N, C-alpha and C. Protein backbone atom coordinates (compact mmCIF):
# COMPACT_ATOMS: atom_id res chain seq x y z
N MET A 1 120.75 78.63 104.96
CA MET A 1 121.14 78.22 106.25
C MET A 1 122.46 77.47 106.15
N LYS A 2 123.39 77.88 107.05
CA LYS A 2 124.72 77.29 106.97
C LYS A 2 124.93 76.09 107.86
N ASN A 3 123.95 75.91 108.79
CA ASN A 3 124.11 74.75 109.73
C ASN A 3 123.31 73.56 109.11
N LYS A 4 124.09 72.53 108.78
CA LYS A 4 123.51 71.34 108.10
C LYS A 4 122.42 70.67 108.94
N GLU A 5 122.62 70.47 110.21
CA GLU A 5 121.65 69.79 111.02
C GLU A 5 120.36 70.66 111.16
N ASP A 6 120.47 71.93 111.32
CA ASP A 6 119.33 72.80 111.34
C ASP A 6 118.56 72.69 109.97
N TRP A 7 119.28 72.74 108.88
CA TRP A 7 118.66 72.66 107.56
C TRP A 7 117.86 71.33 107.44
N LYS A 8 118.47 70.21 107.80
CA LYS A 8 117.75 68.94 107.69
C LYS A 8 116.53 68.88 108.54
N ARG A 9 116.68 69.43 109.78
CA ARG A 9 115.50 69.41 110.72
C ARG A 9 114.37 70.36 110.22
N VAL A 10 114.75 71.53 109.74
CA VAL A 10 113.72 72.52 109.29
C VAL A 10 113.00 72.08 108.03
N TYR A 11 113.79 71.60 107.10
CA TYR A 11 113.19 71.21 105.82
C TYR A 11 112.73 69.75 105.72
N GLY A 12 113.11 68.95 106.70
CA GLY A 12 112.70 67.55 106.76
C GLY A 12 113.25 66.70 105.65
N LYS A 13 114.39 67.03 105.12
CA LYS A 13 115.04 66.21 104.08
C LYS A 13 116.56 66.53 104.08
N THR A 14 117.23 65.79 103.24
CA THR A 14 118.68 65.95 103.10
C THR A 14 118.93 66.86 101.97
N HIS A 15 119.84 67.82 102.08
CA HIS A 15 120.20 68.72 101.01
C HIS A 15 120.93 67.99 99.93
N SER A 16 120.52 68.13 98.72
CA SER A 16 121.13 67.33 97.64
C SER A 16 122.51 67.83 97.22
N GLN A 17 122.87 69.05 97.53
CA GLN A 17 124.15 69.64 97.12
C GLN A 17 124.79 70.39 98.26
N TRP A 18 124.86 69.71 99.45
CA TRP A 18 125.37 70.45 100.67
C TRP A 18 126.81 70.97 100.45
N ASN A 19 127.56 70.35 99.60
CA ASN A 19 128.90 70.79 99.34
C ASN A 19 128.97 72.20 98.74
N LEU A 20 127.89 72.68 98.20
CA LEU A 20 127.83 74.03 97.62
C LEU A 20 127.44 75.10 98.61
N VAL A 21 126.90 74.70 99.70
CA VAL A 21 126.37 75.66 100.68
C VAL A 21 127.46 76.63 101.15
N SER A 22 128.64 76.13 101.35
CA SER A 22 129.69 77.01 101.93
C SER A 22 130.07 78.09 100.99
N GLU A 23 129.86 77.98 99.72
CA GLU A 23 130.20 79.07 98.76
C GLU A 23 129.03 79.97 98.42
N ALA A 24 127.82 79.59 98.91
CA ALA A 24 126.65 80.43 98.62
C ALA A 24 126.61 81.66 99.55
N VAL A 25 126.24 82.75 98.95
CA VAL A 25 126.16 84.08 99.69
C VAL A 25 124.72 84.38 99.88
N TYR A 26 124.37 84.70 101.13
CA TYR A 26 122.94 85.09 101.44
C TYR A 26 122.58 86.31 100.67
N GLY A 27 121.55 86.25 99.84
CA GLY A 27 121.21 87.19 98.81
C GLY A 27 120.57 88.50 99.21
N LEU A 28 120.91 89.07 100.34
CA LEU A 28 120.48 90.45 100.68
C LEU A 28 121.59 91.44 100.24
N THR A 29 121.31 92.13 99.15
CA THR A 29 122.34 93.00 98.56
C THR A 29 122.66 94.18 99.56
N GLU A 30 121.68 94.52 100.43
CA GLU A 30 121.92 95.64 101.34
C GLU A 30 122.98 95.28 102.37
N LEU A 31 123.16 93.94 102.63
CA LEU A 31 124.15 93.46 103.58
C LEU A 31 125.37 92.83 102.94
N HIS A 32 125.21 92.24 101.77
CA HIS A 32 126.28 91.38 101.16
C HIS A 32 126.58 91.75 99.75
N ARG A 33 126.45 93.01 99.43
CA ARG A 33 126.63 93.41 97.99
C ARG A 33 127.97 92.98 97.45
N LYS A 34 129.07 93.22 98.14
CA LYS A 34 130.38 92.89 97.56
C LYS A 34 130.55 91.36 97.41
N ASP A 35 130.11 90.66 98.37
CA ASP A 35 130.20 89.17 98.30
C ASP A 35 129.38 88.60 97.12
N ILE A 36 128.17 89.22 96.94
CA ILE A 36 127.28 88.73 95.89
C ILE A 36 127.94 88.99 94.54
N LYS A 37 128.56 90.06 94.36
CA LYS A 37 129.19 90.42 93.11
C LYS A 37 130.26 89.36 92.75
N GLY A 38 130.89 88.86 93.75
CA GLY A 38 132.03 87.93 93.55
C GLY A 38 131.70 86.46 93.62
N THR A 39 130.43 86.07 93.71
CA THR A 39 130.07 84.67 93.82
C THR A 39 129.37 84.14 92.59
N ARG A 40 129.34 82.88 92.47
CA ARG A 40 128.58 82.25 91.40
C ARG A 40 127.26 81.65 91.91
N LEU A 41 127.10 81.69 93.25
CA LEU A 41 125.90 81.08 93.84
C LEU A 41 125.35 81.95 94.91
N VAL A 42 124.06 82.37 94.77
CA VAL A 42 123.40 83.24 95.73
C VAL A 42 122.21 82.44 96.33
N ALA A 43 122.20 82.51 97.66
CA ALA A 43 121.07 81.83 98.38
C ALA A 43 119.90 82.81 98.47
N ASN A 44 118.74 82.36 98.05
CA ASN A 44 117.56 83.18 98.00
C ASN A 44 116.94 83.34 99.40
N PRO A 45 116.91 84.59 99.92
CA PRO A 45 116.32 84.79 101.25
C PRO A 45 114.78 84.70 101.23
N GLY A 46 114.23 84.35 102.31
CA GLY A 46 112.81 84.31 102.43
C GLY A 46 112.19 85.70 102.61
N CYS A 47 110.93 85.88 102.33
CA CYS A 47 110.31 87.19 102.32
C CYS A 47 110.26 87.75 103.81
N PHE A 48 109.73 86.94 104.77
CA PHE A 48 109.72 87.45 106.10
C PHE A 48 111.11 87.65 106.64
N SER A 49 112.04 86.77 106.25
CA SER A 49 113.41 86.94 106.71
C SER A 49 114.02 88.24 106.20
N SER A 50 113.84 88.53 104.94
CA SER A 50 114.39 89.77 104.40
C SER A 50 113.90 91.01 105.11
N SER A 51 112.59 91.08 105.26
CA SER A 51 112.05 92.34 105.85
C SER A 51 112.49 92.43 107.30
N THR A 52 112.56 91.34 107.99
CA THR A 52 112.93 91.38 109.45
C THR A 52 114.41 91.73 109.62
N ILE A 53 115.25 91.06 108.79
CA ILE A 53 116.74 91.32 108.90
C ILE A 53 117.01 92.75 108.57
N LEU A 54 116.43 93.25 107.52
CA LEU A 54 116.70 94.65 107.06
C LEU A 54 116.22 95.66 108.13
N ALA A 55 115.11 95.35 108.78
CA ALA A 55 114.58 96.26 109.77
C ALA A 55 115.43 96.21 111.07
N LEU A 56 115.87 95.07 111.45
CA LEU A 56 116.61 94.92 112.69
C LEU A 56 118.12 95.08 112.60
N ALA A 57 118.66 95.00 111.43
CA ALA A 57 120.15 95.07 111.27
C ALA A 57 120.74 96.29 111.91
N PRO A 58 120.17 97.49 111.65
CA PRO A 58 120.80 98.70 112.31
C PRO A 58 120.74 98.67 113.80
N LEU A 59 119.60 98.17 114.39
CA LEU A 59 119.47 98.08 115.83
C LEU A 59 120.38 97.11 116.44
N VAL A 60 120.60 95.96 115.76
CA VAL A 60 121.53 94.94 116.20
C VAL A 60 122.98 95.44 116.16
N ARG A 61 123.33 96.07 114.97
CA ARG A 61 124.67 96.56 114.74
C ARG A 61 125.03 97.62 115.82
N GLU A 62 124.17 98.45 116.22
CA GLU A 62 124.40 99.52 117.20
C GLU A 62 124.16 99.07 118.61
N GLY A 63 123.76 97.84 118.83
CA GLY A 63 123.53 97.32 120.21
C GLY A 63 122.34 98.01 120.91
N LEU A 64 121.34 98.30 120.12
CA LEU A 64 120.19 99.00 120.69
C LEU A 64 118.95 98.10 120.91
N ILE A 65 119.20 96.76 120.85
CA ILE A 65 118.10 95.82 120.99
C ILE A 65 118.64 94.65 121.82
N ASP A 66 117.76 94.10 122.68
CA ASP A 66 118.12 92.91 123.45
C ASP A 66 118.16 91.68 122.57
N LEU A 67 119.33 91.11 122.38
CA LEU A 67 119.50 90.05 121.41
C LEU A 67 118.85 88.69 121.80
N ASP A 68 118.44 88.55 123.05
CA ASP A 68 117.82 87.36 123.53
C ASP A 68 116.29 87.36 123.49
N LYS A 69 115.73 88.57 123.26
CA LYS A 69 114.26 88.71 123.38
C LYS A 69 113.68 89.48 122.22
N ILE A 70 114.07 89.11 121.00
CA ILE A 70 113.45 89.76 119.87
C ILE A 70 112.18 89.01 119.47
N VAL A 71 111.12 89.77 119.40
CA VAL A 71 109.82 89.16 118.99
C VAL A 71 109.42 89.82 117.71
N VAL A 72 109.03 88.98 116.73
CA VAL A 72 108.63 89.45 115.43
C VAL A 72 107.25 88.85 115.05
N ASP A 73 106.29 89.73 114.77
CA ASP A 73 104.95 89.25 114.28
C ASP A 73 104.90 89.69 112.78
N GLY A 74 104.71 88.71 111.92
CA GLY A 74 104.61 89.02 110.48
C GLY A 74 103.27 88.67 109.99
N MET A 75 102.74 89.55 109.12
CA MET A 75 101.44 89.33 108.54
C MET A 75 101.56 89.31 106.99
N SER A 76 101.05 88.28 106.38
CA SER A 76 101.21 88.14 104.93
C SER A 76 99.80 87.92 104.31
N GLY A 77 99.69 88.35 103.11
CA GLY A 77 98.46 88.06 102.33
C GLY A 77 98.36 86.62 102.04
N THR A 78 97.25 86.15 101.64
CA THR A 78 96.99 84.70 101.43
C THR A 78 97.84 84.15 100.33
N VAL A 79 98.28 84.92 99.36
CA VAL A 79 99.13 84.46 98.32
C VAL A 79 100.49 83.95 98.93
N GLY A 80 100.90 84.53 100.01
CA GLY A 80 102.12 84.05 100.67
C GLY A 80 102.05 82.68 101.26
N ALA A 81 100.81 82.13 101.38
CA ALA A 81 100.67 80.80 101.97
C ALA A 81 100.77 79.72 100.88
N GLY A 82 100.98 80.10 99.62
CA GLY A 82 101.09 79.14 98.54
C GLY A 82 99.74 78.86 97.87
N ASN A 83 99.77 77.88 96.96
CA ASN A 83 98.58 77.62 96.19
C ASN A 83 97.95 76.30 96.51
N LYS A 84 98.36 75.65 97.58
CA LYS A 84 97.79 74.40 97.97
C LYS A 84 96.38 74.66 98.59
N LEU A 85 95.46 73.79 98.31
CA LEU A 85 94.13 73.95 98.85
C LEU A 85 94.21 73.75 100.40
N ASP A 86 93.64 74.70 101.09
CA ASP A 86 93.68 74.61 102.60
C ASP A 86 92.44 75.24 103.09
N ARG A 87 91.67 74.51 103.87
CA ARG A 87 90.45 75.05 104.42
C ARG A 87 90.64 76.35 105.15
N ALA A 88 91.71 76.41 105.96
CA ALA A 88 91.94 77.57 106.83
C ALA A 88 92.14 78.84 105.92
N LEU A 89 92.58 78.75 104.66
CA LEU A 89 92.76 79.85 103.82
C LEU A 89 91.60 80.14 102.85
N HIS A 90 90.57 79.31 102.98
CA HIS A 90 89.33 79.47 102.22
C HIS A 90 88.66 80.79 102.67
N GLN A 91 88.18 81.62 101.79
CA GLN A 91 87.69 82.97 102.13
C GLN A 91 86.66 82.92 103.29
N PRO A 92 85.72 82.01 103.36
CA PRO A 92 84.78 82.08 104.45
C PRO A 92 85.44 81.75 105.84
N GLU A 93 86.52 81.05 105.79
CA GLU A 93 87.25 80.72 107.04
C GLU A 93 88.10 81.87 107.54
N ILE A 94 88.82 82.52 106.61
CA ILE A 94 89.77 83.57 107.00
C ILE A 94 89.13 84.93 107.04
N HIS A 95 87.96 85.10 106.50
CA HIS A 95 87.31 86.39 106.51
C HIS A 95 87.18 86.91 107.97
N ASN A 96 87.58 88.17 108.20
CA ASN A 96 87.59 88.77 109.54
C ASN A 96 88.39 88.04 110.58
N ASN A 97 89.40 87.31 110.08
CA ASN A 97 90.27 86.58 111.00
C ASN A 97 91.75 86.85 110.68
N ILE A 98 92.58 86.65 111.66
CA ILE A 98 94.04 86.64 111.47
C ILE A 98 94.45 85.23 111.87
N LEU A 99 95.02 84.47 111.00
CA LEU A 99 95.39 83.09 111.21
C LEU A 99 96.91 82.98 111.42
N PHE A 100 97.32 82.65 112.62
CA PHE A 100 98.76 82.38 112.85
C PHE A 100 99.11 80.98 112.45
N TYR A 101 100.34 80.71 112.07
CA TYR A 101 100.73 79.35 111.64
C TYR A 101 102.24 79.23 111.90
N ASN A 102 102.68 77.97 112.00
CA ASN A 102 104.11 77.61 112.23
C ASN A 102 104.71 78.50 113.30
N VAL A 103 104.08 78.59 114.43
CA VAL A 103 104.51 79.50 115.50
C VAL A 103 105.84 79.03 116.10
N VAL A 104 106.09 77.75 116.13
CA VAL A 104 107.34 77.26 116.67
C VAL A 104 108.19 76.67 115.51
N ASN A 105 109.45 77.09 115.51
CA ASN A 105 110.42 76.61 114.49
C ASN A 105 110.06 76.94 113.02
N HIS A 106 109.52 78.11 112.82
CA HIS A 106 109.30 78.55 111.45
C HIS A 106 110.63 78.68 110.73
N ARG A 107 110.70 78.16 109.51
CA ARG A 107 112.05 78.12 108.83
C ARG A 107 112.67 79.50 108.69
N HIS A 108 111.87 80.52 108.57
CA HIS A 108 112.52 81.85 108.40
C HIS A 108 113.15 82.31 109.69
N SER A 109 112.71 81.84 110.84
CA SER A 109 113.37 82.16 112.10
C SER A 109 114.85 81.89 112.08
N TYR A 110 115.23 80.79 111.44
CA TYR A 110 116.60 80.38 111.42
C TYR A 110 117.45 81.28 110.53
N GLU A 111 116.84 81.72 109.42
CA GLU A 111 117.49 82.72 108.56
C GLU A 111 117.76 84.00 109.33
N MET A 112 116.69 84.43 110.03
CA MET A 112 116.82 85.73 110.77
C MET A 112 117.90 85.59 111.79
N GLU A 113 117.94 84.52 112.63
CA GLU A 113 118.93 84.38 113.63
C GLU A 113 120.32 84.24 113.07
N GLN A 114 120.48 83.51 111.94
CA GLN A 114 121.79 83.35 111.34
C GLN A 114 122.36 84.68 110.92
N GLU A 115 121.62 85.48 110.19
CA GLU A 115 122.15 86.73 109.63
C GLU A 115 122.35 87.78 110.72
N LEU A 116 121.38 87.84 111.65
CA LEU A 116 121.54 88.84 112.70
C LEU A 116 122.67 88.49 113.69
N SER A 117 122.90 87.22 113.84
CA SER A 117 124.04 86.76 114.67
C SER A 117 125.37 87.16 114.09
N VAL A 118 125.48 87.09 112.72
CA VAL A 118 126.66 87.51 112.07
C VAL A 118 126.89 89.04 112.33
N ILE A 119 125.85 89.79 112.15
CA ILE A 119 125.95 91.27 112.39
C ILE A 119 126.34 91.52 113.84
N ALA A 120 125.71 90.84 114.79
CA ALA A 120 125.96 91.09 116.22
C ALA A 120 127.29 90.55 116.71
N GLY A 121 127.81 89.51 115.99
CA GLY A 121 129.01 88.87 116.46
C GLY A 121 128.77 87.95 117.64
N GLN A 122 127.53 87.64 117.87
CA GLN A 122 127.12 86.77 118.92
C GLN A 122 125.73 86.19 118.61
N SER A 123 125.34 85.16 119.40
CA SER A 123 124.09 84.56 119.09
C SER A 123 122.88 85.53 119.37
N VAL A 124 121.96 85.46 118.38
CA VAL A 124 120.73 86.24 118.45
C VAL A 124 119.50 85.27 118.47
N HIS A 125 118.51 85.54 119.24
CA HIS A 125 117.37 84.68 119.35
C HIS A 125 116.15 85.47 118.92
N VAL A 126 115.35 84.91 117.98
CA VAL A 126 114.17 85.56 117.43
C VAL A 126 112.98 84.66 117.67
N HIS A 127 111.95 85.19 118.25
CA HIS A 127 110.65 84.45 118.31
C HIS A 127 109.79 85.11 117.23
N PHE A 128 109.53 84.28 116.20
CA PHE A 128 108.82 84.76 115.06
C PHE A 128 107.44 84.09 114.92
N THR A 129 106.40 84.84 114.74
CA THR A 129 105.07 84.29 114.53
C THR A 129 104.50 84.87 113.25
N PRO A 130 104.35 84.01 112.20
CA PRO A 130 103.76 84.45 110.97
C PRO A 130 102.21 84.35 111.05
N HIS A 131 101.58 85.26 110.38
CA HIS A 131 100.04 85.24 110.27
C HIS A 131 99.66 85.42 108.86
N ASN A 132 98.53 84.78 108.50
CA ASN A 132 97.85 85.09 107.25
C ASN A 132 96.68 86.03 107.50
N VAL A 133 96.56 87.01 106.65
CA VAL A 133 95.44 87.94 106.82
C VAL A 133 94.68 88.04 105.47
N LEU A 134 93.49 88.48 105.48
CA LEU A 134 92.63 88.45 104.28
C LEU A 134 92.97 89.62 103.38
N ILE A 135 94.19 89.57 102.81
CA ILE A 135 94.59 90.42 101.68
C ILE A 135 95.24 89.53 100.68
N SER A 136 95.19 89.89 99.42
CA SER A 136 95.81 89.01 98.44
C SER A 136 97.34 89.01 98.51
N ARG A 137 97.90 90.21 98.47
CA ARG A 137 99.34 90.33 98.44
C ARG A 137 99.74 91.38 99.50
N GLY A 138 101.05 91.31 99.85
CA GLY A 138 101.61 92.26 100.77
C GLY A 138 102.15 91.58 101.98
N ILE A 139 102.95 92.30 102.75
CA ILE A 139 103.52 91.78 103.96
C ILE A 139 103.68 92.96 104.93
N LEU A 140 103.39 92.66 106.20
CA LEU A 140 103.58 93.68 107.26
C LEU A 140 104.23 92.94 108.39
N TYR A 141 105.12 93.53 109.05
CA TYR A 141 105.75 92.90 110.22
C TYR A 141 106.00 93.97 111.30
N GLU A 142 106.06 93.43 112.50
CA GLU A 142 106.33 94.30 113.66
C GLU A 142 107.41 93.63 114.48
N CYS A 143 108.41 94.34 114.86
CA CYS A 143 109.51 93.84 115.69
C CYS A 143 109.53 94.64 117.00
N CYS A 144 109.81 93.96 118.05
CA CYS A 144 109.99 94.63 119.29
C CYS A 144 110.89 93.80 120.18
N ASP A 145 111.43 94.46 121.26
CA ASP A 145 112.21 93.72 122.21
C ASP A 145 111.61 93.99 123.57
């Protein structure tokens, strides 16, 4: 994330090396291959961000999608939720359920908006809702406008 205030708000702390952010290249080779080759610092994109940006980039580039009304639903296996003990991710709780989380201000939304805005040459707004589903690994997302 290139916006310092957004970064502080989203992550709830101060970046320890903010002076390096301006030289970091967002690490999607499909979009930034040349810049990545020439940098010493690559920013690691999020999983949901990567899949969403790569799916939407052609639509945004060609003006085939409403940039103010992009809705993304992402579903991830429970491994994507980390290894912290959480009752909601306990097998008896999540079995036969889809658990949404961080519906407002999910940190990956900002990555999606930042990169898609660069492609569009204007502000892009993404409403992203992540879900945990009872699979160990994997990711599925659906985008629509």
